[in-house]
Amino acid sequence: MPENDNFVLNSNCKISNADRFTFVRFNLRFKEFWVNWDDLRTNGINMSGNIELKDDGRIHGGCELGVDRFRLKGFFMIIATFRVKNSLLSLGVFVI
């Protein structure tokens, strides 16, 4: 994330206090999302796997995450807060 994470939103209309609150909450939530993603990335997240059909008909598979699966689940919960269409954090649209 850039060092200066402030931005200016120019608008020709008035922004209500409720909308201002939504923007602030979105910004805080995005910062948390970004810190979590950066932590996962620097700790070696690696979402790879394989599925193999054995000669005897058995299926063998596995996956490697590179990080603890519960840590990754926590990250997905953060993403979920952005995906809820009418939540206070989504700004009324699907973000991801």
Protein backbone atom coordinates (compact mmCIF):
# COMPACT_ATOMS: atom_id res chain seq x y z
CA MET A 1 0.00 0.00 0.00
CA PRO A 2 1.39 3.46 -0.80
CA GLU A 3 2.90 5.42 2.05
CA ASN A 4 0.33 8.19 1.58
CA ASP A 5 -2.97 6.35 1.74
CA ASN A 6 -5.10 9.48 1.88
CA PHE A 7 -7.21 10.40 -1.08
CA VAL A 8 -9.45 13.28 -2.04
CA LEU A 9 -12.97 12.61 -3.20
CA ASN A 10 -14.35 15.49 -5.25
CA SER A 11 -18.11 15.69 -5.41
CA ASN A 12 -20.68 18.20 -6.57
CA CYS A 13 -23.21 16.97 -4.05
CA LYS A 14 -23.37 17.03 -0.30
CA ILE A 15 -22.23 13.93 1.52
CA SER A 16 -24.29 12.99 4.53
CA ASN A 17 -22.74 12.06 7.84
CA ALA A 18 -23.93 8.49 7.29
CA ASP A 19 -22.12 8.38 3.92
CA ARG A 20 -19.02 9.91 5.48
CA PHE A 21 -19.14 7.20 8.17
CA THR A 22 -19.43 4.52 5.45
CA PHE A 23 -16.38 5.86 3.62
CA VAL A 24 -14.34 5.94 6.82
CA ARG A 25 -15.37 2.39 7.75
CA PHE A 26 -14.61 1.18 4.21
CA ASN A 27 -11.17 2.78 4.35
CA LEU A 28 -10.38 1.20 7.73
CA ARG A 29 -11.60 -2.20 6.57
CA PHE A 30 -9.57 -2.00 3.36
CA LYS A 31 -6.44 -1.15 5.34
CA GLU A 32 -7.02 -4.27 7.48
CA PHE A 33 -7.58 -6.32 4.33
CA TRP A 34 -4.35 -5.03 2.79
CA VAL A 35 -2.24 -5.67 5.91
CA ASN A 36 -3.61 -9.22 6.10
CA TRP A 37 -2.94 -9.89 2.41
CA ASP A 38 0.59 -8.51 2.67
CA ASP A 39 1.23 -10.68 5.74
CA LEU A 40 0.00 -13.79 3.93
CA ARG A 41 2.04 -12.95 0.85
CA THR A 42 5.28 -12.36 2.77
CA ASN A 43 4.78 -15.53 4.81
CA GLY A 44 4.65 -17.67 1.70
CA ILE A 45 1.02 -18.20 0.75
CA ASN A 46 0.97 -20.83 -1.96
CA MET A 47 -2.39 -22.18 -3.02
CA SER A 48 -1.43 -25.17 -5.12
CA GLY A 49 -2.60 -28.74 -5.23
CA ASN A 50 -3.06 -31.85 -7.28
CA ILE A 51 -5.43 -34.71 -7.90
CA GLU A 52 -4.14 -38.05 -9.10
CA LEU A 53 -6.08 -41.07 -10.35
CA LYS A 54 -4.24 -44.21 -9.24
CA ASP A 55 -4.07 -47.37 -11.38
CA ASP A 56 -6.37 -49.17 -8.97
CA GLY A 57 -9.08 -46.49 -9.36
CA ARG A 58 -8.39 -44.62 -6.13
CA ILE A 59 -8.16 -40.87 -6.21
CA HIS A 60 -5.32 -39.28 -4.30
CA GLY A 61 -4.94 -35.56 -3.84
CA GLY A 62 -3.52 -32.88 -1.68
CA CYS A 63 -2.97 -29.21 -1.44
CA GLU A 64 -0.37 -26.89 -0.04
CA LEU A 65 -1.28 -23.49 1.34
CA GLY A 66 2.08 -22.32 2.63
CA VAL A 67 0.33 -20.79 5.66
CA ASP A 68 -1.94 -22.07 8.40
CA ARG A 69 -5.40 -22.86 7.01
CA PHE A 70 -7.13 -21.00 9.83
CA ARG A 71 -5.08 -17.90 9.02
CA LEU A 72 -6.31 -18.14 5.44
CA LYS A 73 -9.91 -18.64 6.58
CA GLY A 74 -9.64 -15.42 8.57
CA PHE A 75 -8.52 -13.60 5.44
CA PHE A 76 -11.51 -14.95 3.51
CA MET A 77 -13.81 -13.64 6.26
CA ILE A 78 -12.40 -10.17 5.65
CA ILE A 79 -13.14 -10.53 1.93
CA ALA A 80 -16.68 -11.63 2.78
CA THR A 81 -17.42 -8.32 4.51
CA PHE A 82 -16.73 -6.53 1.23
CA ARG A 83 -18.89 -8.89 -0.81
CA VAL A 84 -22.14 -8.41 1.11
CA LYS A 85 -23.94 -6.09 -1.29
CA ASN A 86 -25.72 -3.77 1.13
CA SER A 87 -23.36 -3.90 4.09
CA LEU A 88 -21.99 -0.69 5.55
CA LEU A 89 -18.58 -1.68 4.21
CA SER A 90 -19.44 -2.47 0.60
CA LEU A 91 -20.50 1.02 -0.52
CA GLY A 92 -23.54 -0.70 -2.05
CA VAL A 93 -21.61 -2.55 -4.75
CA PHE A 94 -19.62 -5.74 -5.12
CA VAL A 95 -16.03 -4.71 -4.55
CA ILE A 96 -14.22 -7.92 -5.38
